[in-house]
Amino acid sequence: MFKIGRLCLKIAGRDAGLKCLVVEVIDDNYVLIDGQTRRRKCNIKHLEPLDKVLKVKKGVSHSDVLKELRKEGVEVKEKIKRKKKAMPKIEEKPKAKETVKKQEIPKPKKQEKPELKKEIPAAKPKKADKKTKAKPKKTSAKKAEKKTVKKAKPVKAKKTVKKPKK
């Protein structure tokens, strides 16, 4: 059913509603299409075959497909090639945008009554920080000493009752 040259209508995807031509059969489920749509692999479930079959060779170029479609009366827009943007050279540095300085509006000064104005004493100079001597780290030897120094619990002596001699 989907042979090379079959005119189809794309019914799904971004190109839905546009006419295309089968350029190549890839396998049972996929074909290569071209025309008003983008040239790409397409699932046959996304195509609706039309009655016309055009005589084209397998893998025909895009320009040849456009010519065949125009002969059949299908209007195809030319793709406009965009110019590539010139990349700035590494040596040239982009200019920094100039910032417009806003005019600063002077704020009105609050008038204070001299009677209520309190005098603030001058700040005292900071004292030099005293460096504390680093305490030596505890070692296992000191821990061992502490273990030996532990007080032993007093052992209660057993009271023995002496029997009077007869």
N, C-alpha and C. Protein backbone atom coordinates (compact mmCIF):
# COMPACT_ATOMS: atom_id res chain seq x y z
N MET A 1 0.81 -1.19 0.00
CA MET A 1 0.00 0.00 0.00
C MET A 1 0.85 1.26 0.00
N PHE A 2 1.88 1.32 0.89
CA PHE A 2 2.78 2.47 0.93
C PHE A 2 4.00 2.14 0.08
N LYS A 3 3.92 2.50 -1.19
CA LYS A 3 5.03 2.26 -2.12
C LYS A 3 5.71 3.59 -2.40
N ILE A 4 6.89 3.53 -2.99
CA ILE A 4 7.64 4.74 -3.32
C ILE A 4 6.82 5.56 -4.32
N GLY A 5 6.65 6.85 -3.97
CA GLY A 5 5.89 7.75 -4.83
C GLY A 5 4.45 7.94 -4.40
N ARG A 6 3.97 7.26 -3.38
CA ARG A 6 2.59 7.39 -2.90
C ARG A 6 2.39 8.76 -2.26
N LEU A 7 1.39 9.49 -2.67
CA LEU A 7 1.03 10.77 -2.09
C LEU A 7 0.21 10.50 -0.84
N CYS A 8 0.58 11.13 0.29
CA CYS A 8 -0.08 10.86 1.57
C CYS A 8 -0.42 12.16 2.28
N LEU A 9 -1.27 12.05 3.27
CA LEU A 9 -1.62 13.16 4.14
C LEU A 9 -1.18 12.78 5.55
N LYS A 10 -0.39 13.64 6.15
CA LYS A 10 0.11 13.39 7.52
C LYS A 10 -1.04 13.71 8.47
N ILE A 11 -1.39 12.77 9.35
CA ILE A 11 -2.53 12.96 10.24
C ILE A 11 -2.14 13.11 11.71
N ALA A 12 -0.87 12.96 12.04
CA ALA A 12 -0.45 13.08 13.44
C ALA A 12 0.88 13.82 13.51
N GLY A 13 1.12 14.46 14.62
CA GLY A 13 2.39 15.12 14.85
C GLY A 13 2.38 16.59 14.48
N ARG A 14 3.54 17.17 14.47
CA ARG A 14 3.72 18.60 14.21
C ARG A 14 3.31 18.96 12.79
N ASP A 15 3.51 18.05 11.84
CA ASP A 15 3.21 18.31 10.43
C ASP A 15 1.82 17.81 10.04
N ALA A 16 0.93 17.61 11.00
CA ALA A 16 -0.39 17.06 10.70
C ALA A 16 -1.16 17.99 9.76
N GLY A 17 -1.83 17.39 8.76
CA GLY A 17 -2.62 18.15 7.80
C GLY A 17 -1.86 18.54 6.55
N LEU A 18 -0.58 18.19 6.46
CA LEU A 18 0.25 18.52 5.30
C LEU A 18 0.43 17.29 4.41
N LYS A 19 0.62 17.56 3.12
CA LYS A 19 0.80 16.47 2.15
C LYS A 19 2.27 16.12 2.04
N CYS A 20 2.51 14.84 1.77
CA CYS A 20 3.88 14.37 1.66
C CYS A 20 3.93 13.24 0.63
N LEU A 21 5.15 12.87 0.28
CA LEU A 21 5.39 11.84 -0.72
C LEU A 21 6.28 10.78 -0.09
N VAL A 22 5.97 9.52 -0.29
CA VAL A 22 6.81 8.45 0.24
C VAL A 22 8.04 8.36 -0.64
N VAL A 23 9.21 8.57 -0.03
CA VAL A 23 10.48 8.56 -0.77
C VAL A 23 11.15 7.19 -0.68
N GLU A 24 10.97 6.52 0.47
CA GLU A 24 11.65 5.24 0.67
C GLU A 24 10.87 4.43 1.69
N VAL A 25 10.78 3.13 1.49
CA VAL A 25 10.14 2.23 2.45
C VAL A 25 11.24 1.65 3.33
N ILE A 26 11.18 1.91 4.63
CA ILE A 26 12.21 1.44 5.55
C ILE A 26 11.90 0.01 6.00
N ASP A 27 10.71 -0.23 6.52
CA ASP A 27 10.26 -1.57 6.88
C ASP A 27 8.74 -1.59 6.86
N ASP A 28 8.13 -2.61 7.45
CA ASP A 28 6.67 -2.75 7.40
C ASP A 28 5.93 -1.59 8.06
N ASN A 29 6.53 -0.96 9.07
CA ASN A 29 5.85 0.09 9.83
C ASN A 29 6.33 1.51 9.52
N TYR A 30 7.52 1.67 8.93
CA TYR A 30 8.09 3.00 8.75
C TYR A 30 8.43 3.28 7.29
N VAL A 31 8.24 4.57 6.91
CA VAL A 31 8.62 5.04 5.58
C VAL A 31 9.32 6.38 5.73
N LEU A 32 10.08 6.77 4.71
CA LEU A 32 10.74 8.07 4.68
C LEU A 32 9.86 8.98 3.83
N ILE A 33 9.47 10.13 4.40
CA ILE A 33 8.58 11.04 3.68
C ILE A 33 9.26 12.38 3.44
N ASP A 34 8.72 13.12 2.45
CA ASP A 34 9.24 14.45 2.12
C ASP A 34 8.12 15.20 1.40
N GLY A 35 8.19 16.51 1.39
CA GLY A 35 7.20 17.32 0.69
C GLY A 35 6.91 18.57 1.48
N GLN A 36 5.62 18.81 1.80
CA GLN A 36 5.27 19.95 2.64
C GLN A 36 5.77 19.74 4.06
N THR A 37 5.98 18.51 4.43
CA THR A 37 6.46 18.17 5.76
C THR A 37 7.98 18.17 5.78
N ARG A 38 8.52 17.92 6.93
CA ARG A 38 9.97 17.75 7.04
C ARG A 38 10.34 16.38 6.50
N ARG A 39 11.52 16.26 5.95
CA ARG A 39 11.99 14.96 5.42
C ARG A 39 12.42 14.13 6.61
N ARG A 40 11.63 13.07 6.87
CA ARG A 40 11.96 12.25 8.03
C ARG A 40 11.26 10.91 7.99
N LYS A 41 11.70 10.04 8.88
CA LYS A 41 11.10 8.72 9.03
C LYS A 41 9.75 8.90 9.72
N CYS A 42 8.73 8.18 9.25
CA CYS A 42 7.39 8.35 9.78
C CYS A 42 6.71 6.99 9.90
N ASN A 43 5.93 6.81 10.94
CA ASN A 43 5.15 5.59 11.14
C ASN A 43 3.96 5.62 10.17
N ILE A 44 3.65 4.50 9.56
CA ILE A 44 2.56 4.48 8.57
C ILE A 44 1.20 4.69 9.23
N LYS A 45 1.13 4.50 10.55
CA LYS A 45 -0.11 4.78 11.27
C LYS A 45 -0.41 6.27 11.31
N HIS A 46 0.61 7.10 11.09
CA HIS A 46 0.45 8.55 11.10
C HIS A 46 0.17 9.11 9.71
N LEU A 47 0.02 8.25 8.72
CA LEU A 47 -0.20 8.68 7.33
C LEU A 47 -1.53 8.15 6.82
N GLU A 48 -2.17 8.96 5.98
CA GLU A 48 -3.37 8.51 5.29
C GLU A 48 -3.06 8.53 3.80
N PRO A 49 -3.02 7.38 3.13
CA PRO A 49 -2.64 7.36 1.72
C PRO A 49 -3.73 7.99 0.84
N LEU A 50 -3.29 8.76 -0.16
CA LEU A 50 -4.21 9.35 -1.13
C LEU A 50 -4.18 8.48 -2.40
N ASP A 51 -5.04 8.80 -3.36
CA ASP A 51 -5.18 7.97 -4.56
C ASP A 51 -3.99 8.05 -5.52
N LYS A 52 -3.26 9.14 -5.51
CA LYS A 52 -2.22 9.35 -6.52
C LYS A 52 -0.90 8.69 -6.15
N VAL A 53 -0.25 8.13 -7.16
CA VAL A 53 1.11 7.59 -7.01
C VAL A 53 1.95 8.26 -8.09
N LEU A 54 3.01 8.96 -7.67
CA LEU A 54 3.89 9.66 -8.61
C LEU A 54 5.08 8.78 -8.95
N LYS A 55 5.62 8.97 -10.16
CA LYS A 55 6.77 8.17 -10.57
C LYS A 55 8.05 8.87 -10.13
N VAL A 56 8.64 8.36 -9.07
CA VAL A 56 9.91 8.88 -8.57
C VAL A 56 10.81 7.70 -8.21
N LYS A 57 12.12 7.96 -8.19
CA LYS A 57 13.08 6.92 -7.83
C LYS A 57 13.24 6.86 -6.32
N LYS A 58 13.78 5.74 -5.85
CA LYS A 58 14.03 5.56 -4.43
C LYS A 58 15.07 6.56 -3.95
N GLY A 59 14.80 7.27 -2.82
CA GLY A 59 15.76 8.20 -2.24
C GLY A 59 15.90 9.48 -3.05
N VAL A 60 14.86 9.94 -3.74
CA VAL A 60 14.92 11.14 -4.57
C VAL A 60 15.18 12.37 -3.67
N SER A 61 15.85 13.40 -4.20
CA SER A 61 16.21 14.59 -3.43
C SER A 61 14.99 15.45 -3.14
N HIS A 62 15.15 16.38 -2.23
CA HIS A 62 14.06 17.26 -1.82
C HIS A 62 13.60 18.15 -2.97
N SER A 63 14.55 18.67 -3.74
CA SER A 63 14.18 19.55 -4.86
C SER A 63 13.35 18.79 -5.91
N ASP A 64 13.69 17.52 -6.20
CA ASP A 64 12.93 16.71 -7.16
C ASP A 64 11.52 16.41 -6.64
N VAL A 65 11.40 16.19 -5.34
CA VAL A 65 10.08 15.95 -4.74
C VAL A 65 9.21 17.19 -4.90
N LEU A 66 9.79 18.37 -4.68
CA LEU A 66 9.03 19.62 -4.81
C LEU A 66 8.54 19.81 -6.25
N LYS A 67 9.40 19.49 -7.22
CA LYS A 67 9.01 19.61 -8.63
C LYS A 67 7.82 18.70 -8.94
N GLU A 68 7.87 17.45 -8.49
CA GLU A 68 6.79 16.49 -8.73
C GLU A 68 5.48 16.94 -8.08
N LEU A 69 5.58 17.46 -6.87
CA LEU A 69 4.38 17.92 -6.18
C LEU A 69 3.75 19.13 -6.88
N ARG A 70 4.59 20.02 -7.41
CA ARG A 70 4.07 21.19 -8.13
C ARG A 70 3.34 20.76 -9.40
N LYS A 71 3.85 19.72 -10.06
CA LYS A 71 3.19 19.21 -11.27
C LYS A 71 1.77 18.70 -10.93
N GLU A 72 1.61 18.12 -9.77
CA GLU A 72 0.32 17.59 -9.34
C GLU A 72 -0.60 18.68 -8.78
N GLY A 73 -0.06 19.89 -8.62
CA GLY A 73 -0.89 20.99 -8.11
C GLY A 73 -0.84 21.16 -6.59
N VAL A 74 0.09 20.53 -5.94
CA VAL A 74 0.26 20.69 -4.50
C VAL A 74 1.19 21.87 -4.25
N GLU A 75 0.72 22.85 -3.49
CA GLU A 75 1.51 24.05 -3.22
C GLU A 75 2.49 23.76 -2.09
N VAL A 76 3.77 24.03 -2.35
CA VAL A 76 4.80 23.78 -1.35
C VAL A 76 5.57 25.07 -1.14
N LYS A 77 5.72 25.48 0.12
CA LYS A 77 6.48 26.69 0.43
C LYS A 77 7.96 26.36 0.42
N GLU A 78 8.75 27.28 -0.08
CA GLU A 78 10.20 27.11 -0.07
C GLU A 78 10.71 27.34 1.34
N LYS A 79 11.64 26.55 1.74
CA LYS A 79 12.25 26.73 3.05
C LYS A 79 13.28 27.84 2.95
N ILE A 80 13.20 28.78 3.85
CA ILE A 80 14.14 29.90 3.87
C ILE A 80 15.33 29.52 4.72
N LYS A 81 16.51 29.61 4.11
CA LYS A 81 17.71 29.30 4.86
C LYS A 81 18.12 30.53 5.65
N ARG A 82 18.36 30.34 6.91
CA ARG A 82 18.76 31.43 7.78
C ARG A 82 20.27 31.58 7.75
N LYS A 83 20.70 32.81 7.88
CA LYS A 83 22.13 33.06 7.95
C LYS A 83 22.60 32.72 9.36
N LYS A 84 23.75 32.13 9.41
CA LYS A 84 24.31 31.81 10.71
C LYS A 84 24.83 33.08 11.35
N LYS A 85 24.63 33.19 12.64
CA LYS A 85 25.11 34.36 13.36
C LYS A 85 26.62 34.26 13.49
N ALA A 86 27.27 35.40 13.26
CA ALA A 86 28.72 35.43 13.37
C ALA A 86 29.12 35.33 14.83
N MET A 87 30.01 34.42 15.10
CA MET A 87 30.48 34.25 16.47
C MET A 87 31.53 35.32 16.75
N PRO A 88 31.51 35.92 17.92
CA PRO A 88 32.52 36.94 18.22
C PRO A 88 33.89 36.28 18.34
N LYS A 89 34.88 36.99 17.85
CA LYS A 89 36.24 36.46 17.93
C LYS A 89 36.68 36.45 19.38
N ILE A 90 37.60 35.57 19.68
CA ILE A 90 38.07 35.43 21.05
C ILE A 90 38.82 36.69 21.49
N GLU A 91 39.54 37.31 20.55
CA GLU A 91 40.32 38.50 20.89
C GLU A 91 39.42 39.68 21.26
N GLU A 92 38.28 39.80 20.60
CA GLU A 92 37.39 40.92 20.88
C GLU A 92 36.56 40.60 22.11
N LYS A 93 36.52 41.54 23.02
CA LYS A 93 35.70 41.38 24.19
C LYS A 93 34.44 42.22 24.00
N PRO A 94 33.30 41.69 24.35
CA PRO A 94 32.08 42.48 24.20
C PRO A 94 32.11 43.70 25.11
N LYS A 95 31.58 44.81 24.61
CA LYS A 95 31.60 46.05 25.38
C LYS A 95 30.61 45.93 26.52
N ALA A 96 31.00 46.45 27.65
CA ALA A 96 30.12 46.45 28.80
C ALA A 96 29.05 47.51 28.59
N LYS A 97 27.85 47.21 29.02
CA LYS A 97 26.77 48.17 28.88
C LYS A 97 27.01 49.34 29.82
N GLU A 98 26.79 50.52 29.27
CA GLU A 98 26.97 51.71 30.09
C GLU A 98 25.73 51.89 30.95
N THR A 99 25.98 52.14 32.21
CA THR A 99 24.85 52.35 33.11
C THR A 99 24.61 53.84 33.26
N VAL A 100 23.38 54.20 33.23
CA VAL A 100 23.02 55.60 33.37
C VAL A 100 22.90 55.89 34.85
N LYS A 101 23.67 56.88 35.29
CA LYS A 101 23.63 57.24 36.70
C LYS A 101 22.42 58.11 36.97
N LYS A 102 21.68 57.75 37.98
CA LYS A 102 20.53 58.55 38.36
C LYS A 102 21.00 59.70 39.23
N GLN A 103 20.36 60.82 39.04
CA GLN A 103 20.71 61.98 39.85
C GLN A 103 20.22 61.75 41.26
N GLU A 104 21.12 61.97 42.17
CA GLU A 104 20.76 61.78 43.57
C GLU A 104 20.05 63.02 44.08
N ILE A 105 18.93 62.81 44.68
CA ILE A 105 18.17 63.91 45.24
C ILE A 105 18.59 64.06 46.69
N PRO A 106 19.06 65.26 47.04
CA PRO A 106 19.50 65.43 48.42
C PRO A 106 18.31 65.34 49.38
N LYS A 107 18.51 64.59 50.44
CA LYS A 107 17.45 64.41 51.42
C LYS A 107 17.48 65.59 52.39
N PRO A 108 16.30 66.08 52.76
CA PRO A 108 16.29 67.21 53.70
C PRO A 108 16.79 66.75 55.06
N LYS A 109 17.64 67.59 55.64
CA LYS A 109 18.20 67.25 56.94
C LYS A 109 17.20 67.59 58.03
N LYS A 110 17.10 66.71 58.99
CA LYS A 110 16.21 66.95 60.12
C LYS A 110 16.91 67.89 61.09
N GLN A 111 16.18 68.89 61.47
CA GLN A 111 16.75 69.85 62.42
C GLN A 111 16.48 69.37 63.83
N GLU A 112 17.53 69.23 64.57
CA GLU A 112 17.41 68.78 65.95
C GLU A 112 17.58 69.96 66.89
N LYS A 113 16.85 69.90 67.96
CA LYS A 113 16.98 70.98 68.95
C LYS A 113 18.27 70.76 69.72
N PRO A 114 19.07 71.82 69.90
CA PRO A 114 20.35 71.66 70.60
C PRO A 114 20.19 71.21 72.04
N GLU A 115 19.04 71.50 72.69
CA GLU A 115 18.86 71.13 74.08
C GLU A 115 18.71 69.62 74.23
N LEU A 116 18.02 69.00 73.27
CA LEU A 116 17.75 67.58 73.36
C LEU A 116 18.90 66.71 72.84
N LYS A 117 19.82 67.35 72.20
CA LYS A 117 20.93 66.61 71.61
C LYS A 117 21.85 66.08 72.71
N LYS A 118 22.05 64.78 72.74
CA LYS A 118 22.92 64.18 73.75
C LYS A 118 24.29 63.95 73.14
N GLU A 119 25.27 64.13 73.96
CA GLU A 119 26.63 63.90 73.50
C GLU A 119 26.96 62.42 73.66
N ILE A 120 27.49 61.88 72.64
CA ILE A 120 27.87 60.48 72.66
C ILE A 120 29.37 60.42 72.90
N PRO A 121 29.80 59.69 73.93
CA PRO A 121 31.25 59.62 74.18
C PRO A 121 31.96 58.92 73.03
N ALA A 122 33.20 59.30 72.86
CA ALA A 122 33.99 58.70 71.79
C ALA A 122 34.18 57.22 72.07
N ALA A 123 34.28 56.46 71.02
CA ALA A 123 34.43 55.02 71.15
C ALA A 123 35.76 54.70 71.80
N LYS A 124 35.71 53.74 72.71
CA LYS A 124 36.92 53.32 73.40
C LYS A 124 37.74 52.43 72.48
N PRO A 125 39.06 52.58 72.51
CA PRO A 125 39.88 51.70 71.68
C PRO A 125 39.76 50.26 72.17
N LYS A 126 39.73 49.38 71.24
CA LYS A 126 39.60 47.96 71.58
C LYS A 126 40.90 47.43 72.15
N LYS A 127 40.74 46.58 73.14
CA LYS A 127 41.92 45.97 73.74
C LYS A 127 42.42 44.88 72.82
N ALA A 128 43.71 44.71 72.81
CA ALA A 128 44.30 43.66 71.98
C ALA A 128 43.83 42.31 72.50
N ASP A 129 43.49 41.46 71.61
CA ASP A 129 43.02 40.14 71.98
C ASP A 129 44.16 39.34 72.62
N LYS A 130 43.83 38.83 73.79
CA LYS A 130 44.83 38.00 74.47
C LYS A 130 44.75 36.60 73.89
N LYS A 131 45.86 36.17 73.44
CA LYS A 131 45.89 34.83 72.89
C LYS A 131 46.00 33.84 74.04
N THR A 132 45.06 32.97 74.10
CA THR A 132 45.09 31.96 75.15
C THR A 132 46.02 30.85 74.72
N LYS A 133 46.70 30.35 75.71
CA LYS A 133 47.63 29.27 75.40
C LYS A 133 46.83 28.03 75.07
N ALA A 134 47.25 27.36 74.04
CA ALA A 134 46.56 26.15 73.61
C ALA A 134 46.76 25.06 74.65
N LYS A 135 45.66 24.46 75.06
CA LYS A 135 45.75 23.39 76.03
C LYS A 135 46.21 22.13 75.32
N PRO A 136 47.13 21.40 75.96
CA PRO A 136 47.58 20.16 75.31
C PRO A 136 46.43 19.16 75.26
N LYS A 137 46.43 18.42 74.22
CA LYS A 137 45.40 17.42 74.04
C LYS A 137 45.60 16.28 75.03
N LYS A 138 44.49 15.72 75.43
CA LYS A 138 44.56 14.61 76.37
C LYS A 138 45.15 13.40 75.66
N THR A 139 46.04 12.75 76.34
CA THR A 139 46.67 11.56 75.74
C THR A 139 46.21 10.33 76.48
N SER A 140 46.48 9.23 75.90
CA SER A 140 46.08 7.96 76.51
C SER A 140 46.86 7.68 77.80
N ALA A 141 48.06 8.24 77.89
CA ALA A 141 48.87 8.01 79.08
C ALA A 141 48.20 8.68 80.28
N LYS A 142 47.70 9.89 80.10
CA LYS A 142 47.04 10.59 81.20
C LYS A 142 45.75 9.87 81.57
N LYS A 143 45.06 9.35 80.57
CA LYS A 143 43.85 8.61 80.86
C LYS A 143 44.17 7.38 81.68
N ALA A 144 45.27 6.74 81.33
CA ALA A 144 45.67 5.55 82.06
C ALA A 144 45.98 5.91 83.52
N GLU A 145 46.64 7.09 83.72
CA GLU A 145 46.96 7.52 85.07
C GLU A 145 45.68 7.75 85.86
N LYS A 146 44.70 8.37 85.22
CA LYS A 146 43.46 8.66 85.90
C LYS A 146 42.75 7.37 86.29
N LYS A 147 42.85 6.36 85.46
CA LYS A 147 42.22 5.10 85.77
C LYS A 147 42.85 4.46 87.00
N THR A 148 44.17 4.58 87.11
CA THR A 148 44.85 3.97 88.24
C THR A 148 44.63 4.77 89.51
N VAL A 149 44.36 6.02 89.41
CA VAL A 149 44.23 6.88 90.56
C VAL A 149 42.84 6.73 91.18
N LYS A 150 41.92 6.14 90.51
CA LYS A 150 40.57 5.99 91.05
C LYS A 150 40.62 5.36 92.43
N LYS A 151 39.72 5.92 93.24
CA LYS A 151 39.68 5.42 94.62
C LYS A 151 39.03 4.05 94.64
N ALA A 152 39.63 3.19 95.42
CA ALA A 152 39.09 1.84 95.56
C ALA A 152 38.01 1.89 96.64
N LYS A 153 36.97 1.16 96.45
CA LYS A 153 35.89 1.12 97.43
C LYS A 153 36.37 0.34 98.66
N PRO A 154 36.05 0.88 99.80
CA PRO A 154 36.48 0.15 101.01
C PRO A 154 35.70 -1.16 101.15
N VAL A 155 36.42 -2.16 101.48
CA VAL A 155 35.83 -3.48 101.62
C VAL A 155 35.34 -3.62 103.06
N LYS A 156 34.10 -3.97 103.20
CA LYS A 156 33.55 -4.13 104.55
C LYS A 156 34.09 -5.43 105.14
N ALA A 157 34.59 -5.30 106.34
CA ALA A 157 35.12 -6.47 107.03
C ALA A 157 33.97 -7.26 107.64
N LYS A 158 34.08 -8.52 107.60
CA LYS A 158 33.03 -9.36 108.17
C LYS A 158 33.19 -9.39 109.69
N LYS A 159 32.07 -9.18 110.28
CA LYS A 159 32.08 -9.22 111.76
C LYS A 159 31.99 -10.68 112.21
N THR A 160 32.92 -11.00 113.01
CA THR A 160 32.91 -12.36 113.53
C THR A 160 32.48 -12.31 115.00
N VAL A 161 31.63 -13.14 115.34
CA VAL A 161 31.17 -13.17 116.72
C VAL A 161 32.02 -14.22 117.47
N LYS A 162 32.66 -13.76 118.50
CA LYS A 162 33.48 -14.69 119.26
C LYS A 162 32.63 -15.37 120.29
N LYS A 163 32.82 -16.65 120.35
CA LYS A 163 32.05 -17.42 121.31
C LYS A 163 32.83 -17.46 122.64
N PRO A 164 32.13 -17.27 123.66
CA PRO A 164 32.85 -17.36 124.96
C PRO A 164 33.33 -18.80 125.25
N LYS A 165 34.47 -18.88 125.82
CA LYS A 165 35.04 -20.18 126.09
C LYS A 165 34.45 -20.76 127.37
N LYS A 166 34.23 -21.94 127.42
CA LYS A 166 33.65 -22.58 128.58
C LYS A 166 34.63 -23.38 129.34
